[in-house]
Amino acid sequence: MKIPMPPPAPLDVLKHKLLMSEANAQRMLNLVTHPELAKDPEYHPWEWFFRHEPPSGFTREEWWTAIRWKRKETARSLPLHLTSGVPLSFNLPDPLLELLEEITARAKGQIELPEPVMNPATRNRYLVSSLMEEAVTSSQLEGASTSRVIAKRMLREGRTPQNRSERMIVNNYLVMHRIIELKDEPLSPELIMEIHRRVTEGTLDDPFEAGRMQAPGEDRVRIYGDITDEQVLHIPPPTEELEERMNALCAFANSERTSDTGYVPPLIRAMTLHFMMGYDHYFADGNGRTSRAVFYWSMLHQGFFLAEFLPVSRLFRAAPAKYARTFLLTEQDEGDLTHFLLEHARFLTRAIKDLDAYLALNTRSLTTLGRMLRATNLNHRQIAVLESFMRDPGGYITVTQHSTTHQVVKQTARTDLQDLESRGFLLRGRQGRSITWFPVDDLADRIEGRST
């Protein structure tokens, strides 16, 4: 991947350079008193300043010095550090404040939530569909090669995974359910180990590595930017530091404020956990899946219950370079986490908007598709089944459920469902000992095709 252009030097070096002579001292005075020089509401990285002309009378380097100096003065420190010992910090520029406000209002339910998410009759089924999507794309980010269609069919059918990629997806899916159960528990090294063990079980070359942090003396895992393993993007902290760093991470996760840093907004706390889990890379493999799972735990733990329905890994997978660049920008800018927070908040906002758009489109199409169904030669029971699946594509039905709902004998119910399967509307699977039917992924398209 293309690595962001690094700044010309650390801030202290740039300031020292300006103070080396009396003439430069005057330039520094001009720099710090200029009314516009340090303004950058969009919070650009150095490479943006490199490509743009500085204000009249200043060099790009002086422009950047003014920007970084101002950012450092207003930054809030966090009780977490880079490998160099530099503490993480963050600023709250207007774009980030706006995103935080919007996400918090939506994800905590301060603004009216979509009806299918709040309706007990449909909520769980939408949740299952979202968790499936997150399980698939989080695994694909780390190399799982199974397609979304095949993976979701496997999860719906309850089929035993046939290879490592499918095992990764099943593990992720089960872990997401487990995190919902554990959302009220404090974060601890033991909980992180449990999450890692669950996401990696049956997927590692060495099964002994599942749920085990790298130990002193072991070869340290590295993060590469290409398939040739020649472009080293990041070398995580030494194994001797991992236990202490994980303890500090858990302490940060479980407290709203510290004596050193004061109050940290909940959403920033969750995103910081995501960053640090990826930065520290505690494990030989499975770090990405574990870090995203811990992020979900933090969101739910802090009351962002809409997070259950937001498969953010799909957006990370759509822009993996942008995702990775924000880690590098934080290192390049001496621990300034703001670039990562901004991009992460944009991902979350996009996930919420995608959910809104999906539910709105689904609701608008129901009426139209319902009219189309009534133009077919299906009976009223079969139409009811398909309408139910259009409202809830993550659901399934059994012969007993269909028989009970419509007060018909089981043979009639079975005939209804088998006929829908033969027409290409449903697929057959298994949940435990029960045979189930669930909708094909392109159900709406097939209904439209049969009605024309």
Protein backbone atom coordinates (compact mmCIF):
# COMPACT_ATOMS: atom_id res chain seq x y z
CA MET A 1 0.00 0.00 0.00
CA LYS A 2 1.01 3.63 -0.39
CA ILE A 3 2.43 4.87 2.91
CA PRO A 4 1.45 8.43 3.91
CA MET A 5 4.20 10.99 3.43
CA PRO A 6 5.83 11.49 6.86
CA PRO A 7 6.15 15.01 8.32
CA PRO A 8 9.53 16.74 7.87
CA ALA A 9 10.51 16.30 11.53
CA PRO A 10 9.03 15.99 15.04
CA LEU A 11 7.58 19.19 16.47
CA ASP A 12 10.40 19.76 18.99
CA VAL A 13 12.97 19.54 16.18
CA LEU A 14 11.05 22.03 14.05
CA LYS A 15 10.75 24.47 16.97
CA HIS A 16 14.45 24.13 17.78
CA LYS A 17 15.33 24.87 14.16
CA LEU A 18 13.40 28.13 14.32
CA LEU A 19 15.19 29.22 17.51
CA MET A 20 18.74 28.62 16.26
CA SER A 21 19.31 32.28 15.34
CA GLU A 22 18.01 35.73 16.23
CA ALA A 23 16.45 36.05 12.78
CA ASN A 24 14.66 32.76 13.20
CA ALA A 25 13.45 33.85 16.60
CA GLN A 26 11.68 36.74 14.90
CA ARG A 27 10.16 34.33 12.38
CA MET A 28 8.91 32.17 15.22
CA LEU A 29 7.28 35.23 16.77
CA ASN A 30 5.60 35.93 13.44
CA LEU A 31 4.54 32.31 13.24
CA VAL A 32 2.86 32.14 16.65
CA THR A 33 1.15 35.52 16.36
CA HIS A 34 -0.24 35.05 12.83
CA PRO A 35 -4.07 34.99 13.15
CA GLU A 36 -4.73 32.38 10.43
CA LEU A 37 -1.62 30.24 10.09
CA ALA A 38 -2.55 27.56 12.64
CA LYS A 39 -6.16 27.16 11.51
CA ASP A 40 -7.03 23.81 9.95
CA PRO A 41 -10.66 22.91 10.77
CA GLU A 42 -10.58 19.78 8.58
CA TYR A 43 -7.54 18.37 10.41
CA HIS A 44 -5.39 17.44 7.43
CA PRO A 45 -2.21 15.34 7.64
CA TRP A 46 1.19 16.65 6.57
CA GLU A 47 0.92 15.36 3.01
CA TRP A 48 -2.00 17.72 2.41
CA PHE A 49 0.11 20.72 3.44
CA PHE A 50 2.94 19.45 1.27
CA ARG A 51 0.68 19.62 -1.80
CA HIS A 52 -0.77 23.08 -1.06
CA GLU A 53 0.72 26.55 -1.11
CA PRO A 54 1.39 28.02 2.36
CA PRO A 55 0.16 31.48 3.41
CA SER A 56 2.21 34.31 1.95
CA GLY A 57 5.54 34.83 3.70
CA PHE A 58 5.83 31.34 5.20
CA THR A 59 7.31 28.04 4.10
CA ARG A 60 5.37 24.78 4.16
CA GLU A 61 7.54 23.61 7.04
CA GLU A 62 6.72 26.73 9.06
CA TRP A 63 3.04 26.31 8.21
CA TRP A 64 3.13 22.74 9.48
CA THR A 65 5.02 23.80 12.62
CA ALA A 66 2.25 26.27 13.46
CA ILE A 67 -0.41 23.62 12.89
CA ARG A 68 1.29 20.91 14.95
CA TRP A 69 2.12 23.38 17.74
CA LYS A 70 -1.51 24.45 18.02
CA ARG A 71 -2.72 20.86 17.97
CA LYS A 72 -0.33 19.89 20.73
CA GLU A 73 -1.48 22.80 22.90
CA THR A 74 -5.15 21.77 22.64
CA ALA A 75 -4.66 17.98 22.70
CA ARG A 76 -6.03 15.78 25.47
CA SER A 77 -3.66 13.03 26.62
CA LEU A 78 -4.66 9.40 27.10
CA PRO A 79 -3.11 6.92 29.56
CA LEU A 80 -1.85 4.77 26.67
CA HIS A 81 1.46 4.99 24.83
CA LEU A 82 3.17 4.21 21.56
CA THR A 83 6.21 1.94 21.68
CA SER A 84 8.40 5.05 21.80
CA GLY A 85 6.80 6.03 25.11
CA VAL A 86 4.93 8.95 23.53
CA PRO A 87 1.41 9.15 25.01
CA LEU A 88 -1.59 8.96 22.75
CA SER A 89 -3.60 12.15 22.51
CA PHE A 90 -6.57 13.50 20.61
CA ASN A 91 -8.18 16.77 19.58
CA LEU A 92 -11.83 17.54 18.95
CA PRO A 93 -12.02 19.49 15.68
CA ASP A 94 -15.49 20.49 14.50
CA PRO A 95 -15.89 17.62 11.99
CA LEU A 96 -15.19 15.06 14.73
CA LEU A 97 -17.51 16.77 17.22
CA GLU A 98 -20.33 16.72 14.67
CA LEU A 99 -19.78 13.05 13.91
CA LEU A 100 -19.62 12.10 17.59
CA GLU A 101 -22.86 13.94 18.28
CA GLU A 102 -24.66 12.31 15.38
CA ILE A 103 -23.45 8.78 16.16
CA THR A 104 -24.17 9.09 19.88
CA ALA A 105 -27.69 10.39 19.29
CA ARG A 106 -28.51 7.60 16.85
CA ALA A 107 -26.67 4.67 18.40
CA LYS A 108 -27.91 5.38 21.93
CA GLY A 109 -31.50 5.91 20.83
CA GLN A 110 -31.76 9.63 21.53
CA ILE A 111 -33.26 9.96 18.04
CA GLU A 112 -36.10 7.67 16.98
CA LEU A 113 -34.68 4.34 15.86
CA PRO A 114 -35.92 2.38 12.83
CA GLU A 115 -39.13 0.50 13.58
CA PRO A 116 -37.84 -2.94 12.49
CA VAL A 117 -34.95 -2.56 14.97
CA MET A 118 -37.24 -1.62 17.86
CA ASN A 119 -40.11 -4.01 17.06
CA PRO A 120 -39.65 -7.18 19.17
CA ALA A 121 -41.24 -9.24 16.38
CA THR A 122 -38.52 -8.39 13.87
CA ARG A 123 -35.59 -7.13 15.97
CA ASN A 124 -33.87 -10.45 16.58
CA ARG A 125 -34.04 -11.49 12.95
CA TYR A 126 -32.51 -8.23 11.74
CA LEU A 127 -29.85 -8.71 14.41
CA VAL A 128 -29.02 -12.18 13.09
CA SER A 129 -28.64 -10.82 9.57
CA SER A 130 -26.33 -8.02 10.77
CA LEU A 131 -24.20 -10.39 12.83
CA MET A 132 -23.84 -12.67 9.84
CA GLU A 133 -22.62 -9.76 7.72
CA GLU A 134 -20.12 -8.68 10.36
CA ALA A 135 -18.84 -12.23 10.84
CA VAL A 136 -18.26 -12.67 7.11
CA THR A 137 -16.57 -9.35 6.35
CA SER A 138 -14.44 -9.31 9.51
CA SER A 139 -13.10 -12.72 8.48
CA GLN A 140 -12.58 -11.62 4.89
CA LEU A 141 -10.46 -8.71 6.14
CA GLU A 142 -8.05 -11.31 7.50
CA GLY A 143 -7.97 -13.57 4.47
CA ALA A 144 -11.11 -15.71 4.55
CA SER A 145 -11.89 -16.51 0.92
CA THR A 146 -15.46 -17.81 1.15
CA SER A 147 -18.05 -15.66 -0.67
CA ARG A 148 -20.74 -13.82 1.28
CA VAL A 149 -23.52 -15.84 -0.33
CA ILE A 150 -21.97 -19.21 0.55
CA ALA A 151 -20.97 -18.03 4.04
CA LYS A 152 -24.44 -16.73 4.92
CA ARG A 153 -26.03 -19.90 3.60
CA MET A 154 -23.70 -21.94 5.81
CA LEU A 155 -24.67 -19.89 8.89
CA ARG A 156 -28.38 -20.10 8.15
CA GLU A 157 -28.24 -23.84 7.54
CA GLY A 158 -26.07 -24.47 10.57
CA ARG A 159 -23.75 -26.45 8.32
CA THR A 160 -20.41 -27.61 9.72
CA PRO A 161 -17.57 -25.48 8.26
CA GLN A 162 -15.55 -27.32 5.62
CA ASN A 163 -12.30 -25.30 5.64
CA ARG A 164 -10.36 -22.66 7.55
CA SER A 165 -12.15 -19.73 5.92
CA GLU A 166 -15.56 -21.07 6.83
CA ARG A 167 -14.35 -21.84 10.38
CA MET A 168 -13.19 -18.20 10.76
CA ILE A 169 -16.66 -16.99 9.78
CA VAL A 170 -18.50 -19.36 12.12
CA ASN A 171 -16.18 -18.41 14.98
CA ASN A 172 -16.78 -14.70 14.39
CA TYR A 173 -20.52 -15.21 14.27
CA LEU A 174 -20.57 -17.11 17.56
CA VAL A 175 -18.26 -14.55 19.19
CA MET A 176 -20.58 -11.69 18.26
CA HIS A 177 -23.41 -13.49 20.03
CA ARG A 178 -21.14 -14.09 23.01
CA ILE A 179 -20.19 -10.41 23.23
CA ILE A 180 -23.86 -9.44 23.47
CA GLU A 181 -24.06 -11.75 26.48
CA LEU A 182 -20.88 -10.27 28.01
CA LYS A 183 -21.54 -6.59 27.35
CA ASP A 184 -22.14 -5.81 31.03
CA GLU A 185 -18.91 -7.49 32.16
CA PRO A 186 -15.75 -5.38 32.66
CA LEU A 187 -12.96 -5.84 30.17
CA SER A 188 -10.15 -7.98 31.53
CA PRO A 189 -7.16 -9.86 30.12
CA GLU A 190 -9.14 -13.06 30.70
CA LEU A 191 -12.06 -11.76 28.61
CA ILE A 192 -9.73 -10.69 25.80
CA MET A 193 -8.13 -14.14 25.86
CA GLU A 194 -11.56 -15.76 25.70
CA ILE A 195 -12.53 -13.64 22.69
CA HIS A 196 -9.28 -14.47 20.92
CA ARG A 197 -9.63 -18.16 21.66
CA ARG A 198 -13.16 -18.19 20.29
CA VAL A 199 -12.33 -16.29 17.06
CA THR A 200 -9.22 -18.37 16.28
CA GLU A 201 -10.21 -21.87 17.40
CA GLY A 202 -9.54 -24.29 14.56
CA THR A 203 -8.02 -21.59 12.30
CA LEU A 204 -4.39 -21.39 13.44
CA ASP A 205 -1.38 -23.37 12.22
CA ASP A 206 -0.49 -23.93 15.88
CA PRO A 207 -3.66 -24.63 17.95
CA PHE A 208 -1.67 -23.79 21.08
CA GLU A 209 -1.74 -20.10 20.06
CA ALA A 210 -5.52 -19.76 20.48
CA GLY A 211 -6.27 -17.58 23.50
CA ARG A 212 -2.58 -17.08 24.31
CA MET A 213 -0.68 -13.79 24.22
CA GLN A 214 2.79 -13.86 22.67
CA ALA A 215 5.39 -14.52 25.36
CA PRO A 216 8.87 -13.06 25.97
CA GLY A 217 11.49 -14.62 23.71
CA GLU A 218 9.11 -15.43 20.85
CA ASP A 219 9.53 -13.95 17.37
CA ARG A 220 7.33 -10.87 17.21
CA VAL A 221 4.54 -10.70 14.66
CA ARG A 222 4.80 -7.80 12.19
CA ILE A 223 2.31 -5.96 9.99
CA TYR A 224 3.09 -5.90 6.28
CA GLY A 225 1.69 -3.74 3.49
CA ASP A 226 1.96 -6.23 0.63
CA ILE A 227 1.80 -9.95 -0.08
CA THR A 228 5.58 -10.17 -0.50
CA ASP A 229 6.13 -9.30 3.19
CA GLU A 230 8.72 -6.74 2.12
CA GLN A 231 6.85 -3.56 3.09
CA VAL A 232 6.86 -3.45 6.91
CA LEU A 233 4.14 -1.06 8.07
CA HIS A 234 4.37 -1.59 11.81
CA ILE A 235 6.45 -3.43 14.40
CA PRO A 236 4.33 -3.89 17.54
CA PRO A 237 5.70 -3.44 21.08
CA PRO A 238 8.13 -6.06 22.45
CA THR A 239 6.55 -9.13 24.01
CA GLU A 240 8.02 -8.17 27.40
CA GLU A 241 5.68 -5.14 27.48
CA LEU A 242 2.46 -6.84 26.41
CA GLU A 243 1.10 -7.86 29.80
CA GLU A 244 1.53 -4.38 31.25
CA ARG A 245 0.06 -2.76 28.14
CA MET A 246 -2.99 -5.04 28.19
CA ASN A 247 -3.61 -4.29 31.88
CA ALA A 248 -3.44 -0.55 31.13
CA LEU A 249 -5.82 -1.03 28.22
CA CYS A 250 -8.38 -2.80 30.39
CA ALA A 251 -8.15 -0.15 33.10
CA PHE A 252 -8.81 2.51 30.46
CA ALA A 253 -11.73 0.53 29.03
CA ASN A 254 -13.48 0.21 32.38
CA SER A 255 -13.31 3.82 33.63
CA GLU A 256 -15.06 6.96 32.39
CA ARG A 257 -12.23 9.20 33.50
CA THR A 258 -8.75 9.03 35.00
CA SER A 259 -6.87 11.38 37.32
CA ASP A 260 -4.34 12.01 34.55
CA THR A 261 -6.58 12.59 31.55
CA GLY A 262 -10.03 13.49 32.86
CA TYR A 263 -13.21 12.59 31.01
CA VAL A 264 -13.03 10.69 27.73
CA PRO A 265 -16.23 10.55 25.62
CA PRO A 266 -17.54 6.98 25.39
CA LEU A 267 -17.32 6.77 21.61
CA ILE A 268 -13.70 7.94 21.65
CA ARG A 269 -12.97 5.35 24.34
CA ALA A 270 -14.37 2.56 22.14
CA MET A 271 -12.45 3.70 19.07
CA THR A 272 -9.25 4.08 21.10
CA LEU A 273 -9.58 0.47 22.27
CA HIS A 274 -9.91 -0.58 18.64
CA PHE A 275 -6.74 1.32 17.76
CA MET A 276 -4.67 -0.01 20.67
CA MET A 277 -5.71 -3.62 20.13
CA GLY A 278 -4.55 -3.33 16.52
CA TYR A 279 -1.41 -1.38 17.43
CA ASP A 280 -0.21 -3.69 20.24
CA HIS A 281 -0.97 -6.92 18.32
CA TYR A 282 -0.95 -9.20 21.35
CA PHE A 283 -1.33 -12.46 19.43
CA ALA A 284 0.46 -14.46 16.76
CA ASP A 285 -2.67 -14.31 14.56
CA GLY A 286 -6.29 -13.18 14.77
CA ASN A 287 -5.47 -9.70 16.08
CA GLY A 288 -7.79 -7.89 13.68
CA ARG A 289 -10.81 -10.06 14.43
CA THR A 290 -10.16 -9.74 18.15
CA SER A 291 -9.74 -5.96 18.04
CA ARG A 292 -13.00 -5.48 16.16
CA ALA A 293 -14.79 -7.78 18.61
CA VAL A 294 -13.42 -5.78 21.57
CA PHE A 295 -14.61 -2.59 19.84
CA TYR A 296 -18.12 -4.05 19.65
CA TRP A 297 -17.92 -5.02 23.33
CA SER A 298 -16.99 -1.44 24.24
CA MET A 299 -19.80 0.06 22.17
CA LEU A 300 -22.40 -2.21 23.75
CA HIS A 301 -20.88 -1.88 27.22
CA GLN A 302 -21.26 1.88 27.02
CA GLY A 303 -24.86 1.82 25.83
CA PHE A 304 -24.52 2.12 22.05
CA PHE A 305 -27.04 -0.65 21.47
CA LEU A 306 -27.53 0.14 17.77
CA ALA A 307 -23.98 -1.18 17.30
CA GLU A 308 -25.50 -4.67 17.21
CA PHE A 309 -26.94 -3.83 13.81
CA LEU A 310 -23.90 -2.11 12.27
CA PRO A 311 -21.56 -4.42 10.31
CA VAL A 312 -18.70 -1.89 10.21
CA SER A 313 -16.16 -4.45 8.97
CA ARG A 314 -17.93 -4.34 5.60
CA LEU A 315 -16.87 -0.68 5.29
CA PHE A 316 -13.34 -1.40 6.52
CA ARG A 317 -13.07 -4.12 3.89
CA ALA A 318 -14.30 -1.74 1.18
CA ALA A 319 -11.48 0.70 2.01
CA PRO A 320 -8.67 -1.33 3.64
CA ALA A 321 -5.91 1.11 2.67
CA LYS A 322 -7.76 4.05 4.20
CA TYR A 323 -8.29 1.97 7.35
CA ALA A 324 -4.58 1.10 7.59
CA ARG A 325 -3.40 4.64 6.80
CA THR A 326 -5.03 6.07 9.93
CA PHE A 327 -2.83 3.81 12.10
CA LEU A 328 0.25 5.07 10.27
CA LEU A 329 -0.81 8.72 10.54
CA THR A 330 -1.13 8.36 14.31
CA GLU A 331 2.45 7.09 14.54
CA GLN A 332 3.75 9.75 12.17
CA ASP A 333 2.04 12.56 14.08
CA GLU A 334 3.61 11.62 17.42
CA GLY A 335 0.63 9.78 18.89
CA ASP A 336 -2.11 12.11 17.63
CA LEU A 337 -5.09 9.77 17.40
CA THR A 338 -7.40 12.34 15.80
CA HIS A 339 -6.88 11.10 12.23
CA PHE A 340 -7.91 7.59 13.28
CA LEU A 341 -10.92 8.88 15.23
CA LEU A 342 -12.15 10.98 12.32
CA GLU A 343 -11.97 8.12 9.83
CA HIS A 344 -13.46 5.62 12.27
CA ALA A 345 -16.34 8.00 13.04
CA ARG A 346 -16.97 8.41 9.31
CA PHE A 347 -17.18 4.61 8.97
CA LEU A 348 -19.70 4.45 11.81
CA THR A 349 -21.80 7.27 10.38
CA ARG A 350 -21.81 5.56 7.00
CA ALA A 351 -22.88 2.28 8.62
CA ILE A 352 -25.83 4.01 10.32
CA LYS A 353 -26.87 5.70 7.06
CA ASP A 354 -26.57 2.40 5.20
CA LEU A 355 -28.84 0.78 7.79
CA ASP A 356 -31.38 3.59 7.38
CA ALA A 357 -31.29 3.31 3.60
CA TYR A 358 -31.63 -0.47 3.68
CA LEU A 359 -34.63 -0.38 6.03
CA ALA A 360 -36.29 2.44 4.09
CA LEU A 361 -35.85 0.64 0.77
CA ASN A 362 -37.08 -2.58 2.33
CA THR A 363 -40.19 -0.87 3.69
CA ARG A 364 -41.02 0.91 0.41
CA SER A 365 -40.64 -2.24 -1.63
CA LEU A 366 -42.89 -4.37 0.57
CA THR A 367 -46.12 -2.88 -0.74
CA THR A 368 -45.07 -3.23 -4.37
CA LEU A 369 -43.82 -6.78 -3.96
CA GLY A 370 -46.97 -7.71 -2.06
CA ARG A 371 -49.09 -6.67 -5.05
CA MET A 372 -46.84 -8.68 -7.34
CA LEU A 373 -47.22 -11.79 -5.18
CA ARG A 374 -50.99 -11.59 -5.38
CA ALA A 375 -50.72 -11.74 -9.16
CA THR A 376 -49.11 -15.20 -8.95
CA ASN A 377 -50.85 -18.55 -8.49
CA LEU A 378 -49.49 -19.02 -4.96
CA ASN A 379 -51.96 -19.69 -2.17
CA HIS A 380 -52.52 -17.18 0.64
CA ARG A 381 -50.34 -19.16 3.08
CA GLN A 382 -47.37 -19.13 0.70
CA ILE A 383 -47.83 -15.42 0.04
CA ALA A 384 -47.78 -14.78 3.79
CA VAL A 385 -44.49 -16.70 4.11
CA LEU A 386 -42.79 -14.70 1.37
CA GLU A 387 -44.10 -11.39 2.71
CA SER A 388 -42.69 -12.34 6.10
CA PHE A 389 -39.28 -13.02 4.56
CA MET A 390 -39.34 -9.71 2.66
CA ARG A 391 -39.78 -7.94 6.01
CA ASP A 392 -37.17 -10.15 7.63
CA PRO A 393 -34.61 -11.65 5.21
CA GLY A 394 -32.64 -13.15 8.11
CA GLY A 395 -35.45 -15.42 9.24
CA TYR A 396 -36.41 -19.04 8.63
CA ILE A 397 -39.48 -21.23 8.98
CA THR A 398 -40.24 -24.86 9.84
CA VAL A 399 -43.16 -27.11 8.94
CA THR A 400 -44.42 -26.94 12.52
CA GLN A 401 -44.33 -23.11 12.57
CA HIS A 402 -46.17 -22.88 9.24
CA SER A 403 -48.70 -25.50 10.31
CA THR A 404 -49.41 -23.75 13.61
CA THR A 405 -49.66 -20.26 12.10
CA HIS A 406 -52.18 -21.24 9.42
CA GLN A 407 -53.97 -24.05 11.26
CA VAL A 408 -53.31 -26.70 8.62
CA VAL A 409 -52.02 -30.23 8.92
CA LYS A 410 -48.26 -30.71 8.69
CA GLN A 411 -48.44 -32.41 5.30
CA THR A 412 -50.16 -29.35 3.82
CA ALA A 413 -47.59 -27.08 5.47
CA ARG A 414 -44.75 -29.20 4.12
CA THR A 415 -46.22 -29.14 0.61
CA ASP A 416 -46.46 -25.32 0.75
CA LEU A 417 -42.81 -24.94 1.69
CA GLN A 418 -41.51 -27.57 -0.71
CA ASP A 419 -43.41 -25.88 -3.52
CA LEU A 420 -41.82 -22.50 -2.68
CA GLU A 421 -38.45 -24.23 -2.69
CA SER A 422 -39.07 -25.82 -6.09
CA ARG A 423 -40.09 -22.42 -7.49
CA GLY A 424 -36.73 -20.98 -6.40
CA PHE A 425 -38.02 -18.70 -3.63
CA LEU A 426 -36.70 -20.67 -0.64
CA LEU A 427 -33.67 -22.74 0.28
CA ARG A 428 -33.61 -25.70 2.64
CA GLY A 429 -31.34 -25.97 5.67
CA ARG A 430 -31.19 -27.50 9.12
CA GLN A 431 -31.26 -26.11 12.65
CA GLY A 432 -30.37 -28.95 15.02
CA ARG A 433 -32.76 -31.78 14.14
CA SER A 434 -35.31 -29.57 12.42
CA ILE A 435 -35.49 -28.94 8.68
CA THR A 436 -35.85 -25.23 7.96
CA TRP A 437 -36.53 -23.06 4.93
CA PHE A 438 -35.11 -19.58 4.45
CA PRO A 439 -35.27 -17.03 1.59
CA VAL A 440 -32.85 -16.89 -1.31
CA ASP A 441 -30.64 -13.79 -1.29
CA ASP A 442 -32.35 -12.28 -4.35
CA LEU A 443 -35.93 -13.01 -3.26
CA ALA A 444 -37.28 -9.62 -4.40
CA ASP A 445 -35.77 -10.01 -7.86
CA ARG A 446 -37.26 -13.47 -8.24
CA ILE A 447 -40.71 -12.27 -7.20
CA GLU A 448 -40.49 -9.45 -9.75
CA GLY A 449 -39.37 -11.91 -12.42
CA ARG A 450 -42.30 -14.30 -11.80
CA SER A 451 -44.88 -11.50 -11.89
CA THR A 452 -43.83 -10.12 -15.30
